[in-house]
PDB file of N, CA and C in Angstrom:
ATOM      1  N   UNK A   1      20.151  13.416  -6.096  1.00  0.00           N
ATOM      2  CA  UNK A   1      18.655  13.703  -5.643  1.00  0.00           C
ATOM      3  C   UNK A   1      18.744  12.969  -3.806  1.00  0.00           C
ATOM      4  N   UNK A   2      18.719  13.539  -2.704  1.00  0.00           N
ATOM      5  CA  UNK A   2      18.495  13.418  -1.603  1.00  0.00           C
ATOM      6  C   UNK A   2      18.268  12.943  -1.120  1.00  0.00           C
ATOM      7  N   UNK A   3      18.419  11.671   0.089  1.00  0.00           N
ATOM      8  CA  UNK A   3      17.889  10.300  -0.004  1.00  0.00           C
ATOM      9  C   UNK A   3      15.843  10.574   0.554  1.00  0.00           C
ATOM     10  N   UNK A   4      16.526  12.045   1.311  1.00  0.00           N
ATOM     11  CA  UNK A   4      14.825  12.099   2.013  1.00  0.00           C
ATOM     12  C   UNK A   4      14.134  13.114   0.238  1.00  0.00           C
ATOM     13  N   UNK A   5      14.588  12.517  -0.926  1.00  0.00           N
ATOM     14  CA  UNK A   5      13.428  13.460  -1.827  1.00  0.00           C
ATOM     15  C   UNK A   5      12.857  11.964  -2.430  1.00  0.00           C
ATOM     16  N   UNK A   6      13.183  11.151  -1.900  1.00  0.00           N
ATOM     17  CA  UNK A   6      11.624   9.876  -1.937  1.00  0.00           C
ATOM     18  C   UNK A   6      10.298  10.677  -2.185  1.00  0.00           C
ATOM     19  N   UNK A   7       9.197   9.645  -3.023  1.00  0.00           N
ATOM     20  CA  UNK A   7       8.207  10.315  -1.977  1.00  0.00           C
ATOM     21  C   UNK A   7       7.877   8.313  -1.906  1.00  0.00           C
ATOM     22  N   UNK A   8       7.550   8.156  -0.781  1.00  0.00           N
ATOM     23  CA  UNK A   8       7.107   7.067  -0.265  1.00  0.00           C
ATOM     24  C   UNK A   8       6.064   6.592  -1.530  1.00  0.00           C
ATOM     25  N   UNK A   9       5.167   6.901  -2.382  1.00  0.00           N
ATOM     26  CA  UNK A   9       4.295   6.103  -2.999  1.00  0.00           C
ATOM     27  C   UNK A   9       4.822   5.524  -4.499  1.00  0.00           C
ATOM     28  N   UNK A  10       6.698   6.277  -4.079  1.00  0.00           N
ATOM     29  CA  UNK A  10       7.043   5.940  -6.213  1.00  0.00           C
ATOM     30  C   UNK A  10       7.926   4.803  -5.532  1.00  0.00           C
ATOM     31  N   UNK A  11       8.372   4.218  -4.059  1.00  0.00           N
ATOM     32  CA  UNK A  11       8.232   2.405  -4.497  1.00  0.00           C
ATOM     33  C   UNK A  11       7.478   1.531  -3.698  1.00  0.00           C
ATOM     34  N   UNK A  12       6.352   1.855  -4.301  1.00  0.00           N
ATOM     35  CA  UNK A  12       5.030   0.872  -3.983  1.00  0.00           C
ATOM     36  C   UNK A  12       4.871   0.733  -5.540  1.00  0.00           C
ATOM     37  N   UNK A  13       4.297  -0.658  -5.319  1.00  0.00           N
ATOM     38  CA  UNK A  13       5.084  -1.754  -6.727  1.00  0.00           C
ATOM     39  C   UNK A  13       2.833  -0.461  -7.232  1.00  0.00           C
ATOM     40  N   UNK A  14       2.622  -1.547  -8.253  1.00  0.00           N
ATOM     41  CA  UNK A  14       1.288  -0.441  -8.965  1.00  0.00           C
ATOM     42  C   UNK A  14       0.094  -0.945  -7.999  1.00  0.00           C
ATOM     43  N   UNK A  15      -0.162  -2.227  -7.797  1.00  0.00           N
ATOM     44  CA  UNK A  15      -1.179  -2.606  -6.553  1.00  0.00           C
ATOM     45  C   UNK A  15      -1.490  -2.383  -4.712  1.00  0.00           C
ATOM     46  N   UNK A  16       0.524  -2.168  -4.795  1.00  0.00           N
ATOM     47  CA  UNK A  16       0.378  -1.990  -3.274  1.00  0.00           C
ATOM     48  C   UNK A  16      -0.653  -0.529  -3.102  1.00  0.00           C
ATOM     49  N   UNK A  17       0.039   0.473  -5.083  1.00  0.00           N
ATOM     50  CA  UNK A  17       0.344   1.768  -4.714  1.00  0.00           C
ATOM     51  C   UNK A  17      -1.794   1.504  -4.643  1.00  0.00           C
ATOM     52  N   UNK A  18      -3.342   0.541  -5.430  1.00  0.00           N
ATOM     53  CA  UNK A  18      -4.145   0.993  -5.684  1.00  0.00           C
ATOM     54  C   UNK A  18      -5.352   0.429  -4.273  1.00  0.00           C
ATOM     55  N   UNK A  19      -4.569  -0.402  -3.712  1.00  0.00           N
ATOM     56  CA  UNK A  19      -4.763  -1.396  -2.221  1.00  0.00           C
ATOM     57  C   UNK A  19      -4.866   0.428  -1.670  1.00  0.00           C
ATOM     58  N   UNK A  20      -3.779   0.857  -1.667  1.00  0.00           N
ATOM     59  CA  UNK A  20      -3.433   1.789   0.065  1.00  0.00           C
ATOM     60  C   UNK A  20      -4.199   3.182  -0.976  1.00  0.00           C
ATOM     61  N   UNK A  21      -4.499   3.012  -1.690  1.00  0.00           N
ATOM     62  CA  UNK A  21      -5.406   4.198  -2.585  1.00  0.00           C
ATOM     63  C   UNK A  21      -6.592   3.622  -2.277  1.00  0.00           C
ATOM     64  N   UNK A  22      -7.690   2.617  -2.598  1.00  0.00           N
ATOM     65  CA  UNK A  22      -8.811   2.659  -1.630  1.00  0.00           C
ATOM     66  C   UNK A  22      -8.604   2.572   0.299  1.00  0.00           C
ATOM     67  N   UNK A  23      -7.388   1.972   0.579  1.00  0.00           N
ATOM     68  CA  UNK A  23      -7.709   2.019   2.566  1.00  0.00           C
ATOM     69  C   UNK A  23      -8.321   3.345   2.834  1.00  0.00           C
ATOM     70  N   UNK A  24      -6.831   3.608   1.565  1.00  0.00           N
ATOM     71  CA  UNK A  24      -7.353   5.775   2.562  1.00  0.00           C
ATOM     72  C   UNK A  24      -8.879   5.680   2.440  1.00  0.00           C
ATOM     73  N   UNK A  25      -9.723   5.221   1.235  1.00  0.00           N
ATOM     74  CA  UNK A  25     -10.581   6.257   1.551  1.00  0.00           C
ATOM     75  C   UNK A  25     -11.524   5.101   2.669  1.00  0.00           C
ATOM     76  N   UNK A  26     -10.990   3.884   3.218  1.00  0.00           N
ATOM     77  CA  UNK A  26     -12.019   4.048   4.593  1.00  0.00           C
ATOM     78  C   UNK A  26     -12.847   2.615   3.853  1.00  0.00           C
ATOM     79  N   UNK A  27     -11.699   2.114   2.430  1.00  0.00           N
ATOM     80  CA  UNK A  27     -12.806   1.008   2.129  1.00  0.00           C
ATOM     81  C   UNK A  27     -12.227  -0.091   3.209  1.00  0.00           C
ATOM     82  N   UNK A  28     -13.151  -1.731   3.660  1.00  0.00           N
ATOM     83  CA  UNK A  28     -12.909  -3.014   3.759  1.00  0.00           C
ATOM     84  C   UNK A  28     -11.660  -3.809   2.651  1.00  0.00           C
ATOM     85  N   UNK A  29     -11.192  -4.304   4.159  1.00  0.00           N
ATOM     86  CA  UNK A  29     -10.280  -5.416   2.560  1.00  0.00           C
ATOM     87  C   UNK A  29     -10.965  -5.961   2.283  1.00  0.00           C
ATOM     88  N   UNK A  30     -12.442  -6.759   2.428  1.00  0.00           N
ATOM     89  CA  UNK A  30     -13.255  -7.298   1.451  1.00  0.00           C
ATOM     90  C   UNK A  30     -13.912  -6.461   0.733  1.00  0.00           C
ATOM     91  N   UNK A  31     -14.018  -5.044   0.887  1.00  0.00           N
ATOM     92  CA  UNK A  31     -14.129  -4.404  -0.331  1.00  0.00           C
ATOM     93  C   UNK A  31     -12.887  -4.325  -1.177  1.00  0.00           C
ATOM     94  N   UNK A  32     -12.053  -3.773  -0.603  1.00  0.00           N
ATOM     95  CA  UNK A  32     -10.949  -3.928  -1.975  1.00  0.00           C
ATOM     96  C   UNK A  32     -10.895  -5.245  -3.029  1.00  0.00           C
ATOM     97  N   UNK A  33     -10.467  -6.352  -1.820  1.00  0.00           N
ATOM     98  CA  UNK A  33     -11.087  -6.983  -2.780  1.00  0.00           C
ATOM     99  C   UNK A  33     -11.269  -8.075  -3.579  1.00  0.00           C
ATOM    100  N   UNK A  34     -12.683  -7.612  -3.101  1.00  0.00           N
ATOM    101  CA  UNK A  34     -13.546  -7.025  -4.068  1.00  0.00           C
ATOM    102  C   UNK A  34     -12.752  -7.103  -5.908  1.00  0.00           C
ATOM    103  N   UNK A  35     -13.662  -5.497  -4.906  1.00  0.00           N
ATOM    104  CA  UNK A  35     -13.078  -4.119  -6.313  1.00  0.00           C
ATOM    105  C   UNK A  35     -12.219  -4.882  -7.102  1.00  0.00           C
ATOM    106  N   UNK A  36     -10.817  -4.977  -6.425  1.00  0.00           N
ATOM    107  CA  UNK A  36      -9.604  -5.285  -7.450  1.00  0.00           C
ATOM    108  C   UNK A  36      -9.755  -6.446  -7.981  1.00  0.00           C
ATOM    109  N   UNK A  37     -10.586  -8.161  -7.812  1.00  0.00           N
ATOM    110  CA  UNK A  37     -11.007  -9.288  -7.482  1.00  0.00           C
ATOM    111  C   UNK A  37      -9.224 -10.283  -7.830  1.00  0.00           C
ATOM    112  N   UNK A  38      -8.983  -9.864  -5.868  1.00  0.00           N
ATOM    113  CA  UNK A  38      -7.999 -10.564  -5.277  1.00  0.00           C
ATOM    114  C   UNK A  38      -8.383 -10.563  -3.930  1.00  0.00           C
ATOM    115  N   UNK A  39      -7.637 -11.561  -3.959  1.00  0.00           N
ATOM    116  CA  UNK A  39      -7.907 -12.898  -1.827  1.00  0.00           C
ATOM    117  C   UNK A  39      -7.988 -10.922  -1.061  1.00  0.00           C
ATOM    118  N   UNK A  40      -8.365 -11.353   0.016  1.00  0.00           N
ATOM    119  CA  UNK A  40      -8.364 -11.007   1.178  1.00  0.00           C
ATOM    120  C   UNK A  40      -7.447 -10.987   1.441  1.00  0.00           C
ATOM    121  N   UNK A  41      -7.070 -12.183   1.527  1.00  0.00           N
ATOM    122  CA  UNK A  41      -5.215 -12.463   1.983  1.00  0.00           C
ATOM    123  C   UNK A  41      -4.243 -11.317   0.981  1.00  0.00           C
ATOM    124  N   UNK A  42      -4.579 -11.131   0.213  1.00  0.00           N
ATOM    125  CA  UNK A  42      -3.737 -10.942  -0.216  1.00  0.00           C
ATOM    126  C   UNK A  42      -3.569  -9.541  -0.513  1.00  0.00           C
ATOM    127  N   UNK A  43      -4.647  -9.001  -0.708  1.00  0.00           N
ATOM    128  CA  UNK A  43      -5.053  -7.409   0.151  1.00  0.00           C
ATOM    129  C   UNK A  43      -4.299  -6.690   1.901  1.00  0.00           C
ATOM    130  N   UNK A  44      -3.915  -7.965   2.373  1.00  0.00           N
ATOM    131  CA  UNK A  44      -3.803  -7.692   3.187  1.00  0.00           C
ATOM    132  C   UNK A  44      -1.824  -8.070   3.622  1.00  0.00           C
ATOM    133  N   UNK A  45      -1.698  -8.842   2.827  1.00  0.00           N
ATOM    134  CA  UNK A  45      -0.276  -8.875   2.422  1.00  0.00           C
ATOM    135  C   UNK A  45       0.638  -7.173   1.917  1.00  0.00           C
ATOM    136  N   UNK A  46      -1.105  -6.719   1.068  1.00  0.00           N
ATOM    137  CA  UNK A  46      -0.439  -5.938   0.080  1.00  0.00           C
ATOM    138  C   UNK A  46      -0.588  -4.237   1.061  1.00  0.00           C
ATOM    139  N   UNK A  47      -1.387  -4.715   2.604  1.00  0.00           N
ATOM    140  CA  UNK A  47      -1.667  -3.695   3.287  1.00  0.00           C
ATOM    141  C   UNK A  47       0.182  -3.538   4.286  1.00  0.00           C
ATOM    142  N   UNK A  48       0.450  -4.808   4.738  1.00  0.00           N
ATOM    143  CA  UNK A  48       1.608  -5.264   5.286  1.00  0.00           C
ATOM    144  C   UNK A  48       2.588  -3.960   4.511  1.00  0.00           C
ATOM    145  N   UNK A  49       2.803  -4.930   3.014  1.00  0.00           N
ATOM    146  CA  UNK A  49       4.516  -4.263   2.386  1.00  0.00           C
ATOM    147  C   UNK A  49       4.440  -3.224   2.754  1.00  0.00           C
ATOM    148  N   UNK A  50       2.360  -2.561   2.008  1.00  0.00           N
ATOM    149  CA  UNK A  50       2.687  -0.506   1.778  1.00  0.00           C
ATOM    150  C   UNK A  50       3.229  -0.056   3.999  1.00  0.00           C
ATOM    151  N   UNK A  51       2.625  -0.589   5.089  1.00  0.00           N
ATOM    152  CA  UNK A  51       2.891  -0.510   6.068  1.00  0.00           C
ATOM    153  C   UNK A  51       4.574  -0.411   6.290  1.00  0.00           C
ATOM    154  N   UNK A  52       5.315  -2.046   5.833  1.00  0.00           N
ATOM    155  CA  UNK A  52       6.517  -2.060   6.156  1.00  0.00           C
ATOM    156  C   UNK A  52       7.250  -0.876   5.724  1.00  0.00           C
ATOM    157  N   UNK A  53       6.644  -0.253   4.073  1.00  0.00           N
ATOM    158  CA  UNK A  53       7.742   0.724   3.021  1.00  0.00           C
ATOM    159  C   UNK A  53       7.816   2.053   3.874  1.00  0.00           C
ATOM    160  N   UNK A  54       6.207   2.341   4.423  1.00  0.00           N
ATOM    161  CA  UNK A  54       6.448   3.749   5.014  1.00  0.00           C
ATOM    162  C   UNK A  54       7.294   4.077   6.569  1.00  0.00           C
ATOM    163  N   UNK A  55       7.219   2.562   7.054  1.00  0.00           N
ATOM    164  CA  UNK A  55       7.637   2.542   8.272  1.00  0.00           C
ATOM    165  C   UNK A  55       9.513   2.848   7.783  1.00  0.00           C
ATOM    166  N   UNK A  56      10.109   1.896   6.715  1.00  0.00           N
ATOM    167  CA  UNK A  56      11.409   2.138   6.193  1.00  0.00           C
ATOM    168  C   UNK A  56      11.678   3.509   5.848  1.00  0.00           C
ATOM    169  N   UNK A  57      10.803   3.862   5.839  1.00  0.00           N
ATOM    170  CA  UNK A  57      10.796   5.301   4.817  1.00  0.00           C
ATOM    171  C   UNK A  57      10.982   6.311   5.935  1.00  0.00           C
ATOM    172  N   UNK A  58      10.252   6.935   7.390  1.00  0.00           N
ATOM    173  CA  UNK A  58      10.024   7.332   8.157  1.00  0.00           C
ATOM    174  C   UNK A  58      11.501   6.816   9.379  1.00  0.00           C
ATOM    175  N   UNK A  59      12.256   6.176   9.680  1.00  0.00           N
ATOM    176  CA  UNK A  59      12.487   5.830  10.157  1.00  0.00           C
ATOM    177  C   UNK A  59      14.392   5.630  10.504  1.00  0.00           C
ATOM    178  N   UNK A  60      15.066   5.521   8.579  1.00  0.00           N
ATOM    179  CA  UNK A  60      15.823   5.347   8.180  1.00  0.00           C
ATOM    180  C   UNK A  60      16.486   6.537   7.290  1.00  0.00           C
TER     181      UNK A  60
END
């Protein structure tokens, strides 16, 4: 399997995928936190991790 065969969502945790799916639905950090029963800080951390993962995939 070539490196470019990897899909970004395969590299995310279950929770990061959940946050990402809600984020692309234009949900706010507050909305996501309430829906997933986690803090807004945790949501921001997950978003940061997702962005970092996507950056690594597109730049390497």
